[in-house]
């Protein structure tokens, strides 16, 4: 499983921490109950919600390579917006208390 360059950079800067981060990544993204395409779509949505544009681009390419349709990618991004946008609605409610 390829890791993002900013994680791979830890291998030289902090090998001990790199091993720990790599282990977490492998546990999260490795084989499990969710298939690789679903995991990639979830991480795509999370990166979008966190404003990580480069991550979104990389993960969208990976999702397509895993067979994700454009509609699946759109739905994942809609979910990210829905969840992230709800925080604004919750905070805005304070104006009416």
PDB file of N, CA and C in Angstrom:
ATOM      1  N   UNK A   1       0.842  -1.179   0.000  1.00  0.00           N
ATOM      2  CA  UNK A   1       0.000   0.000   0.000  1.00  0.00           C
ATOM      3  C   UNK A   1       0.889   1.244   0.000  1.00  0.00           C
ATOM      4  N   UNK A   2       0.793   2.060  -1.044  1.00  0.00           N
ATOM      5  CA  UNK A   2       1.607   3.287  -1.069  1.00  0.00           C
ATOM      6  C   UNK A   2       1.082   4.308  -0.065  1.00  0.00           C
ATOM      7  N   UNK A   3       1.994   4.916   0.636  1.00  0.00           N
ATOM      8  CA  UNK A   3       1.630   5.959   1.595  1.00  0.00           C
ATOM      9  C   UNK A   3       1.914   7.318   0.972  1.00  0.00           C
ATOM     10  N   UNK A   4       1.208   8.348   1.423  1.00  0.00           N
ATOM     11  CA  UNK A   4       1.459   9.697   0.892  1.00  0.00           C
ATOM     12  C   UNK A   4       2.908  10.116   1.143  1.00  0.00           C
ATOM     13  N   UNK A   5       3.446  10.974   0.273  1.00  0.00           N
ATOM     14  CA  UNK A   5       4.840  11.421   0.424  1.00  0.00           C
ATOM     15  C   UNK A   5       5.145  12.009   1.795  1.00  0.00           C
ATOM     16  N   UNK A   6       4.192  12.731   2.395  1.00  0.00           N
ATOM     17  CA  UNK A   6       4.464  13.332   3.706  1.00  0.00           C
ATOM     18  C   UNK A   6       4.613  12.276   4.795  1.00  0.00           C
ATOM     19  N   UNK A   7       4.006  11.112   4.596  1.00  0.00           N
ATOM     20  CA  UNK A   7       4.201  10.009   5.545  1.00  0.00           C
ATOM     21  C   UNK A   7       5.526   9.317   5.246  1.00  0.00           C
ATOM     22  N   UNK A   8       5.793   9.064   3.973  1.00  0.00           N
ATOM     23  CA  UNK A   8       7.057   8.412   3.599  1.00  0.00           C
ATOM     24  C   UNK A   8       8.255   9.232   4.059  1.00  0.00           C
ATOM     25  N   UNK A   9       8.124  10.556   4.106  1.00  0.00           N
ATOM     26  CA  UNK A   9       9.218  11.417   4.550  1.00  0.00           C
ATOM     27  C   UNK A   9       9.607  11.125   5.996  1.00  0.00           C
ATOM     28  N   UNK A  10       8.686  10.610   6.777  1.00  0.00           N
ATOM     29  CA  UNK A  10       8.988  10.269   8.168  1.00  0.00           C
ATOM     30  C   UNK A  10      10.016   9.146   8.275  1.00  0.00           C
ATOM     31  N   UNK A  11      10.107   8.318   7.250  1.00  0.00           N
ATOM     32  CA  UNK A  11      11.028   7.175   7.295  1.00  0.00           C
ATOM     33  C   UNK A  11      12.450   7.622   7.594  1.00  0.00           C
ATOM     34  N   UNK A  12      12.852   8.755   7.050  1.00  0.00           N
ATOM     35  CA  UNK A  12      14.192   9.273   7.314  1.00  0.00           C
ATOM     36  C   UNK A  12      14.224  10.189   8.527  1.00  0.00           C
ATOM     37  N   UNK A  13      13.161  10.979   8.702  1.00  0.00           N
ATOM     38  CA  UNK A  13      13.144  11.978   9.786  1.00  0.00           C
ATOM     39  C   UNK A  13      12.928  11.360  11.164  1.00  0.00           C
ATOM     40  N   UNK A  14      12.040  10.343  11.200  1.00  0.00           N
ATOM     41  CA  UNK A  14      11.670   9.733  12.477  1.00  0.00           C
ATOM     42  C   UNK A  14      11.246   8.292  12.221  1.00  0.00           C
ATOM     43  N   UNK A  15      12.216   7.388  12.026  1.00  0.00           N
ATOM     44  CA  UNK A  15      11.902   6.005  11.662  1.00  0.00           C
ATOM     45  C   UNK A  15      10.967   5.291  12.630  1.00  0.00           C
ATOM     46  N   UNK A  16      11.118   5.550  13.900  1.00  0.00           N
ATOM     47  CA  UNK A  16      10.263   4.887  14.894  1.00  0.00           C
ATOM     48  C   UNK A  16       8.807   5.309  14.707  1.00  0.00           C
ATOM     49  N   UNK A  17       8.581   6.609  14.558  1.00  0.00           N
ATOM     50  CA  UNK A  17       7.221   7.112  14.359  1.00  0.00           C
ATOM     51  C   UNK A  17       6.674   6.651  13.007  1.00  0.00           C
ATOM     52  N   UNK A  18       7.529   6.614  11.997  1.00  0.00           N
ATOM     53  CA  UNK A  18       7.122   6.130  10.671  1.00  0.00           C
ATOM     54  C   UNK A  18       6.561   4.717  10.778  1.00  0.00           C
ATOM     55  N   UNK A  19       7.253   3.853  11.497  1.00  0.00           N
ATOM     56  CA  UNK A  19       6.768   2.469  11.647  1.00  0.00           C
ATOM     57  C   UNK A  19       5.392   2.444  12.315  1.00  0.00           C
ATOM     58  N   UNK A  20       5.187   3.294  13.296  1.00  0.00           N
ATOM     59  CA  UNK A  20       3.891   3.346  13.985  1.00  0.00           C
ATOM     60  C   UNK A  20       2.795   3.854  13.047  1.00  0.00           C
ATOM     61  N   UNK A  21       3.081   4.920  12.300  1.00  0.00           N
ATOM     62  CA  UNK A  21       2.092   5.483  11.376  1.00  0.00           C
ATOM     63  C   UNK A  21       1.783   4.472  10.275  1.00  0.00           C
ATOM     64  N   UNK A  22       2.811   3.812   9.759  1.00  0.00           N
ATOM     65  CA  UNK A  22       2.611   2.809   8.716  1.00  0.00           C
ATOM     66  C   UNK A  22       1.734   1.664   9.228  1.00  0.00           C
ATOM     67  N   UNK A  23       1.958   1.230  10.457  1.00  0.00           N
ATOM     68  CA  UNK A  23       1.155   0.145  11.028  1.00  0.00           C
ATOM     69  C   UNK A  23      -0.319   0.551  11.127  1.00  0.00           C
ATOM     70  N   UNK A  24      -0.568   1.790  11.533  1.00  0.00           N
ATOM     71  CA  UNK A  24      -1.951   2.268  11.612  1.00  0.00           C
ATOM     72  C   UNK A  24      -2.577   2.322  10.219  1.00  0.00           C
ATOM     73  N   UNK A  25      -1.816   2.815   9.252  1.00  0.00           N
ATOM     74  CA  UNK A  25      -2.325   2.892   7.878  1.00  0.00           C
ATOM     75  C   UNK A  25      -2.653   1.504   7.347  1.00  0.00           C
ATOM     76  N   UNK A  26      -1.785   0.543   7.610  1.00  0.00           N
ATOM     77  CA  UNK A  26      -2.025  -0.821   7.144  1.00  0.00           C
ATOM     78  C   UNK A  26      -3.234  -1.435   7.834  1.00  0.00           C
ATOM     79  N   UNK A  27      -3.408  -1.147   9.123  1.00  0.00           N
ATOM     80  CA  UNK A  27      -4.575  -1.660   9.840  1.00  0.00           C
ATOM     81  C   UNK A  27      -5.867  -1.036   9.310  1.00  0.00           C
ATOM     82  N   UNK A  28      -5.806   0.244   8.981  1.00  0.00           N
ATOM     83  CA  UNK A  28      -6.996   0.952   8.510  1.00  0.00           C
ATOM     84  C   UNK A  28      -7.342   0.595   7.066  1.00  0.00           C
ATOM     85  N   UNK A  29      -6.332   0.536   6.209  1.00  0.00           N
ATOM     86  CA  UNK A  29      -6.588   0.376   4.776  1.00  0.00           C
ATOM     87  C   UNK A  29      -6.408  -1.061   4.278  1.00  0.00           C
ATOM     88  N   UNK A  30      -5.891  -1.934   5.112  1.00  0.00           N
ATOM     89  CA  UNK A  30      -5.683  -3.325   4.704  1.00  0.00           C
ATOM     90  C   UNK A  30      -6.990  -4.089   4.613  1.00  0.00           C
ATOM     91  N   UNK A  31      -6.904  -5.351   4.230  1.00  0.00           N
ATOM     92  CA  UNK A  31      -8.111  -6.175   4.096  1.00  0.00           C
ATOM     93  C   UNK A  31      -8.929  -6.201   5.382  1.00  0.00           C
ATOM     94  N   UNK A  32     -10.220  -6.145   5.210  1.00  0.00           N
ATOM     95  CA  UNK A  32     -11.126  -6.164   6.358  1.00  0.00           C
ATOM     96  C   UNK A  32     -12.556  -6.312   5.879  1.00  0.00           C
ATOM     97  N   UNK A  33     -13.490  -5.892   6.697  1.00  0.00           N
ATOM     98  CA  UNK A  33     -14.904  -6.016   6.369  1.00  0.00           C
ATOM     99  C   UNK A  33     -15.296  -5.127   5.189  1.00  0.00           C
ATOM    100  N   UNK A  34     -14.646  -3.981   5.056  1.00  0.00           N
ATOM    101  CA  UNK A  34     -14.929  -3.077   3.935  1.00  0.00           C
ATOM    102  C   UNK A  34     -13.956  -3.371   2.801  1.00  0.00           C
ATOM    103  N   UNK A  35     -14.468  -3.325   1.582  1.00  0.00           N
ATOM    104  CA  UNK A  35     -13.582  -3.543   0.441  1.00  0.00           C
ATOM    105  C   UNK A  35     -12.745  -2.285   0.185  1.00  0.00           C
ATOM    106  N   UNK A  36     -11.694  -2.443  -0.626  1.00  0.00           N
ATOM    107  CA  UNK A  36     -10.741  -1.364  -0.880  1.00  0.00           C
ATOM    108  C   UNK A  36     -11.409  -0.145  -1.513  1.00  0.00           C
ATOM    109  N   UNK A  37     -12.363  -0.363  -2.413  1.00  0.00           N
ATOM    110  CA  UNK A  37     -13.032   0.771  -3.057  1.00  0.00           C
ATOM    111  C   UNK A  37     -13.816   1.580  -2.033  1.00  0.00           C
ATOM    112  N   UNK A  38     -14.537   0.912  -1.153  1.00  0.00           N
ATOM    113  CA  UNK A  38     -15.320   1.611  -0.130  1.00  0.00           C
ATOM    114  C   UNK A  38     -14.401   2.391   0.802  1.00  0.00           C
ATOM    115  N   UNK A  39     -13.310   1.770   1.231  1.00  0.00           N
ATOM    116  CA  UNK A  39     -12.359   2.465   2.104  1.00  0.00           C
ATOM    117  C   UNK A  39     -11.784   3.697   1.411  1.00  0.00           C
ATOM    118  N   UNK A  40     -11.498   3.578   0.138  1.00  0.00           N
ATOM    119  CA  UNK A  40     -10.943   4.710  -0.604  1.00  0.00           C
ATOM    120  C   UNK A  40     -11.966   5.825  -0.739  1.00  0.00           C
ATOM    121  N   UNK A  41     -13.220   5.475  -0.983  1.00  0.00           N
ATOM    122  CA  UNK A  41     -14.277   6.497  -1.071  1.00  0.00           C
ATOM    123  C   UNK A  41     -14.474   7.203   0.272  1.00  0.00           C
ATOM    124  N   UNK A  42     -14.382   6.455   1.366  1.00  0.00           N
ATOM    125  CA  UNK A  42     -14.511   7.070   2.692  1.00  0.00           C
ATOM    126  C   UNK A  42     -13.349   8.034   2.935  1.00  0.00           C
ATOM    127  N   UNK A  43     -12.127   7.605   2.623  1.00  0.00           N
ATOM    128  CA  UNK A  43     -10.993   8.497   2.844  1.00  0.00           C
ATOM    129  C   UNK A  43     -11.055   9.707   1.923  1.00  0.00           C
ATOM    130  N   UNK A  44     -11.586   9.524   0.724  1.00  0.00           N
ATOM    131  CA  UNK A  44     -11.810  10.645  -0.201  1.00  0.00           C
ATOM    132  C   UNK A  44     -12.743  11.671   0.442  1.00  0.00           C
ATOM    133  N   UNK A  45     -13.849  11.197   0.998  1.00  0.00           N
ATOM    134  CA  UNK A  45     -14.809  12.097   1.642  1.00  0.00           C
ATOM    135  C   UNK A  45     -14.182  12.802   2.841  1.00  0.00           C
ATOM    136  N   UNK A  46     -13.409  12.076   3.619  1.00  0.00           N
ATOM    137  CA  UNK A  46     -12.762  12.689   4.784  1.00  0.00           C
ATOM    138  C   UNK A  46     -11.749  13.750   4.363  1.00  0.00           C
ATOM    139  N   UNK A  47     -10.958  13.461   3.340  1.00  0.00           N
ATOM    140  CA  UNK A  47     -10.013  14.467   2.862  1.00  0.00           C
ATOM    141  C   UNK A  47     -10.753  15.700   2.345  1.00  0.00           C
ATOM    142  N   UNK A  48     -11.850  15.488   1.636  1.00  0.00           N
ATOM    143  CA  UNK A  48     -12.640  16.629   1.143  1.00  0.00           C
ATOM    144  C   UNK A  48     -13.156  17.454   2.313  1.00  0.00           C
ATOM    145  N   UNK A  49     -13.660  16.787   3.349  1.00  0.00           N
ATOM    146  CA  UNK A  49     -14.189  17.496   4.516  1.00  0.00           C
ATOM    147  C   UNK A  49     -13.094  18.276   5.242  1.00  0.00           C
ATOM    148  N   UNK A  50     -11.856  17.798   5.152  1.00  0.00           N
ATOM    149  CA  UNK A  50     -10.738  18.484   5.800  1.00  0.00           C
ATOM    150  C   UNK A  50     -10.039  19.477   4.875  1.00  0.00           C
ATOM    151  N   UNK A  51     -10.533  19.621   3.666  1.00  0.00           N
ATOM    152  CA  UNK A  51      -9.946  20.597   2.745  1.00  0.00           C
ATOM    153  C   UNK A  51      -8.625  20.168   2.140  1.00  0.00           C
ATOM    154  N   UNK A  52      -8.374  18.870   2.100  1.00  0.00           N
ATOM    155  CA  UNK A  52      -7.112  18.347   1.565  1.00  0.00           C
ATOM    156  C   UNK A  52      -7.266  18.054   0.072  1.00  0.00           C
ATOM    157  N   UNK A  53      -7.186  19.102  -0.737  1.00  0.00           N
ATOM    158  CA  UNK A  53      -7.429  18.985  -2.169  1.00  0.00           C
ATOM    159  C   UNK A  53      -6.526  17.997  -2.880  1.00  0.00           C
ATOM    160  N   UNK A  54      -5.237  18.006  -2.557  1.00  0.00           N
ATOM    161  CA  UNK A  54      -4.326  17.071  -3.223  1.00  0.00           C
ATOM    162  C   UNK A  54      -4.689  15.635  -2.866  1.00  0.00           C
ATOM    163  N   UNK A  55      -5.040  15.411  -1.611  1.00  0.00           N
ATOM    164  CA  UNK A  55      -5.482  14.078  -1.196  1.00  0.00           C
ATOM    165  C   UNK A  55      -6.736  13.646  -1.934  1.00  0.00           C
ATOM    166  N   UNK A  56      -7.658  14.574  -2.129  1.00  0.00           N
ATOM    167  CA  UNK A  56      -8.887  14.270  -2.868  1.00  0.00           C
ATOM    168  C   UNK A  56      -8.545  13.847  -4.292  1.00  0.00           C
ATOM    169  N   UNK A  57      -7.632  14.560  -4.937  1.00  0.00           N
ATOM    170  CA  UNK A  57      -7.245  14.221  -6.311  1.00  0.00           C
ATOM    171  C   UNK A  57      -6.626  12.828  -6.381  1.00  0.00           C
ATOM    172  N   UNK A  58      -5.709  12.542  -5.464  1.00  0.00           N
ATOM    173  CA  UNK A  58      -5.045  11.238  -5.446  1.00  0.00           C
ATOM    174  C   UNK A  58      -6.051  10.130  -5.170  1.00  0.00           C
ATOM    175  N   UNK A  59      -6.905  10.337  -4.189  1.00  0.00           N
ATOM    176  CA  UNK A  59      -7.867   9.306  -3.812  1.00  0.00           C
ATOM    177  C   UNK A  59      -8.940   9.103  -4.876  1.00  0.00           C
ATOM    178  N   UNK A  60      -9.329  10.152  -5.576  1.00  0.00           N
ATOM    179  CA  UNK A  60     -10.295   9.995  -6.672  1.00  0.00           C
ATOM    180  C   UNK A  60      -9.687   9.120  -7.766  1.00  0.00           C
ATOM    181  N   UNK A  61      -8.406   9.337  -8.088  1.00  0.00           N
ATOM    182  CA  UNK A  61      -7.736   8.486  -9.081  1.00  0.00           C
ATOM    183  C   UNK A  61      -7.688   7.034  -8.600  1.00  0.00           C
ATOM    184  N   UNK A  62      -7.340   6.848  -7.334  1.00  0.00           N
ATOM    185  CA  UNK A  62      -7.277   5.495  -6.789  1.00  0.00           C
ATOM    186  C   UNK A  62      -8.655   4.838  -6.804  1.00  0.00           C
ATOM    187  N   UNK A  63      -9.690   5.601  -6.450  1.00  0.00           N
ATOM    188  CA  UNK A  63     -11.048   5.055  -6.447  1.00  0.00           C
ATOM    189  C   UNK A  63     -11.455   4.622  -7.855  1.00  0.00           C
ATOM    190  N   UNK A  64     -11.136   5.431  -8.839  1.00  0.00           N
ATOM    191  CA  UNK A  64     -11.449   5.066 -10.235  1.00  0.00           C
ATOM    192  C   UNK A  64     -10.712   3.790 -10.631  1.00  0.00           C
ATOM    193  N   UNK A  65      -9.443   3.680 -10.225  1.00  0.00           N
ATOM    194  CA  UNK A  65      -8.665   2.481 -10.545  1.00  0.00           C
ATOM    195  C   UNK A  65      -9.260   1.238  -9.882  1.00  0.00           C
ATOM    196  N   UNK A  66      -9.931   1.441  -8.758  1.00  0.00           N
ATOM    197  CA  UNK A  66     -10.570   0.328  -8.049  1.00  0.00           C
ATOM    198  C   UNK A  66     -11.986   0.068  -8.556  1.00  0.00           C
ATOM    199  N   UNK A  67     -12.394   0.808  -9.592  1.00  0.00           N
ATOM    200  CA  UNK A  67     -13.697   0.565 -10.203  1.00  0.00           C
ATOM    201  C   UNK A  67     -14.808   1.486  -9.757  1.00  0.00           C
ATOM    202  N   UNK A  68     -14.501   2.518  -8.994  1.00  0.00           N
ATOM    203  CA  UNK A  68     -15.545   3.457  -8.565  1.00  0.00           C
ATOM    204  C   UNK A  68     -16.065   4.229  -9.763  1.00  0.00           C
ATOM    205  N   UNK A  69     -17.365   4.375  -9.805  1.00  0.00           N
ATOM    206  CA  UNK A  69     -17.988   5.163 -10.871  1.00  0.00           C
ATOM    207  C   UNK A  69     -17.951   6.643 -10.493  1.00  0.00           C
ATOM    208  N   UNK A  70     -18.193   7.477 -11.487  1.00  0.00           N
ATOM    209  CA  UNK A  70     -18.261   8.920 -11.215  1.00  0.00           C
ATOM    210  C   UNK A  70     -19.404   9.211 -10.251  1.00  0.00           C
ATOM    211  N   UNK A  71     -20.498   8.479 -10.360  1.00  0.00           N
ATOM    212  CA  UNK A  71     -21.631   8.684  -9.442  1.00  0.00           C
ATOM    213  C   UNK A  71     -21.235   8.325  -8.012  1.00  0.00           C
ATOM    214  N   UNK A  72     -20.467   7.261  -7.824  1.00  0.00           N
ATOM    215  CA  UNK A  72     -20.013   6.898  -6.478  1.00  0.00           C
ATOM    216  C   UNK A  72     -19.109   7.989  -5.904  1.00  0.00           C
ATOM    217  N   UNK A  73     -18.238   8.533  -6.721  1.00  0.00           N
ATOM    218  CA  UNK A  73     -17.363   9.618  -6.264  1.00  0.00           C
ATOM    219  C   UNK A  73     -18.203  10.841  -5.914  1.00  0.00           C
ATOM    220  N   UNK A  74     -19.169  11.190  -6.762  1.00  0.00           N
ATOM    221  CA  UNK A  74     -20.051  12.337  -6.466  1.00  0.00           C
ATOM    222  C   UNK A  74     -20.792  12.131  -5.149  1.00  0.00           C
ATOM    223  N   UNK A  75     -21.312  10.916  -4.930  1.00  0.00           N
ATOM    224  CA  UNK A  75     -22.048  10.660  -3.684  1.00  0.00           C
ATOM    225  C   UNK A  75     -21.145  10.778  -2.471  1.00  0.00           C
ATOM    226  N   UNK A  76     -19.924  10.274  -2.567  1.00  0.00           N
ATOM    227  CA  UNK A  76     -18.986  10.392  -1.442  1.00  0.00           C
ATOM    228  C   UNK A  76     -18.713  11.864  -1.132  1.00  0.00           C
ATOM    229  N   UNK A  77     -18.541  12.674  -2.172  1.00  0.00           N
ATOM    230  CA  UNK A  77     -18.281  14.103  -1.969  1.00  0.00           C
ATOM    231  C   UNK A  77     -19.516  14.824  -1.437  1.00  0.00           C
ATOM    232  N   UNK A  78     -20.696  14.411  -1.862  1.00  0.00           N
ATOM    233  CA  UNK A  78     -21.933  14.994  -1.313  1.00  0.00           C
ATOM    234  C   UNK A  78     -22.049  14.694   0.178  1.00  0.00           C
ATOM    235  N   UNK A  79     -21.701  13.469   0.560  1.00  0.00           N
ATOM    236  CA  UNK A  79     -21.746  13.106   1.977  1.00  0.00           C
ATOM    237  C   UNK A  79     -20.778  13.959   2.791  1.00  0.00           C
ATOM    238  N   UNK A  80     -19.584  14.174   2.237  1.00  0.00           N
ATOM    239  CA  UNK A  80     -18.603  15.018   2.932  1.00  0.00           C
ATOM    240  C   UNK A  80     -19.168  16.411   3.155  1.00  0.00           C
ATOM    241  N   UNK A  81     -19.772  16.975   2.121  1.00  0.00           N
ATOM    242  CA  UNK A  81     -20.355  18.310   2.247  1.00  0.00           C
ATOM    243  C   UNK A  81     -21.497  18.319   3.257  1.00  0.00           C
ATOM    244  N   UNK A  82     -22.348  17.306   3.195  1.00  0.00           N
ATOM    245  CA  UNK A  82     -23.489  17.237   4.103  1.00  0.00           C
ATOM    246  C   UNK A  82     -23.027  17.207   5.559  1.00  0.00           C
ATOM    247  N   UNK A  83     -22.060  16.353   5.858  1.00  0.00           N
ATOM    248  CA  UNK A  83     -21.583  16.239   7.242  1.00  0.00           C
ATOM    249  C   UNK A  83     -20.833  17.500   7.668  1.00  0.00           C
ATOM    250  N   UNK A  84     -19.924  17.981   6.840  1.00  0.00           N
ATOM    251  CA  UNK A  84     -19.156  19.181   7.189  1.00  0.00           C
ATOM    252  C   UNK A  84     -20.052  20.408   7.260  1.00  0.00           C
ATOM    253  N   UNK A  85     -21.000  20.511   6.348  1.00  0.00           N
ATOM    254  CA  UNK A  85     -21.906  21.658   6.310  1.00  0.00           C
ATOM    255  C   UNK A  85     -22.852  21.703   7.493  1.00  0.00           C
ATOM    256  N   UNK A  86     -23.185  20.552   8.051  1.00  0.00           N
ATOM    257  CA  UNK A  86     -24.082  20.526   9.203  1.00  0.00           C
ATOM    258  C   UNK A  86     -23.474  21.238  10.400  1.00  0.00           C
ATOM    259  N   UNK A  87     -22.146  21.225  10.507  1.00  0.00           N
ATOM    260  CA  UNK A  87     -21.491  21.941  11.593  1.00  0.00           C
ATOM    261  C   UNK A  87     -21.791  23.428  11.544  1.00  0.00           C
ATOM    262  N   UNK A  88     -21.895  23.976  10.338  1.00  0.00           N
ATOM    263  CA  UNK A  88     -22.239  25.384  10.193  1.00  0.00           C
ATOM    264  C   UNK A  88     -23.667  25.625  10.679  1.00  0.00           C
ATOM    265  N   UNK A  89     -24.571  24.730  10.331  1.00  0.00           N
ATOM    266  CA  UNK A  89     -25.960  24.887  10.775  1.00  0.00           C
ATOM    267  C   UNK A  89     -26.087  24.798  12.299  1.00  0.00           C
ATOM    268  N   UNK A  90     -25.345  23.885  12.885  1.00  0.00           N
ATOM    269  CA  UNK A  90     -25.383  23.757  14.349  1.00  0.00           C
ATOM    270  C   UNK A  90     -24.853  25.017  15.008  1.00  0.00           C
ATOM    271  N   UNK A  91     -23.727  25.538  14.528  1.00  0.00           N
ATOM    272  CA  UNK A  91     -23.160  26.760  15.096  1.00  0.00           C
ATOM    273  C   UNK A  91     -24.066  27.951  14.845  1.00  0.00           C
ATOM    274  N   UNK A  92     -24.663  28.017  13.664  1.00  0.00           N
ATOM    275  CA  UNK A  92     -25.551  29.137  13.324  1.00  0.00           C
ATOM    276  C   UNK A  92     -26.781  29.169  14.226  1.00  0.00           C
ATOM    277  N   UNK A  93     -27.198  28.019  14.713  1.00  0.00           N
ATOM    278  CA  UNK A  93     -28.353  27.954  15.601  1.00  0.00           C
ATOM    279  C   UNK A  93     -28.147  28.803  16.852  1.00  0.00           C
ATOM    280  N   UNK A  94     -26.897  29.018  17.241  1.00  0.00           N
ATOM    281  CA  UNK A  94     -26.588  29.822  18.430  1.00  0.00           C
ATOM    282  C   UNK A  94     -27.078  31.258  18.259  1.00  0.00           C
ATOM    283  N   UNK A  95     -27.214  31.732  17.045  1.00  0.00           N
ATOM    284  CA  UNK A  95     -27.692  33.088  16.801  1.00  0.00           C
ATOM    285  C   UNK A  95     -29.153  33.265  17.212  1.00  0.00           C
ATOM    286  N   UNK A  96     -29.858  32.182  17.379  1.00  0.00           N
ATOM    287  CA  UNK A  96     -31.296  32.250  17.659  1.00  0.00           C
ATOM    288  C   UNK A  96     -31.658  31.805  19.070  1.00  0.00           C
ATOM    289  N   UNK A  97     -30.671  31.616  19.913  1.00  0.00           N
ATOM    290  CA  UNK A  97     -30.969  31.232  21.309  1.00  0.00           C
ATOM    291  C   UNK A  97     -31.322  32.452  22.115  1.00  0.00           C
TER     292      UNK A  97
END
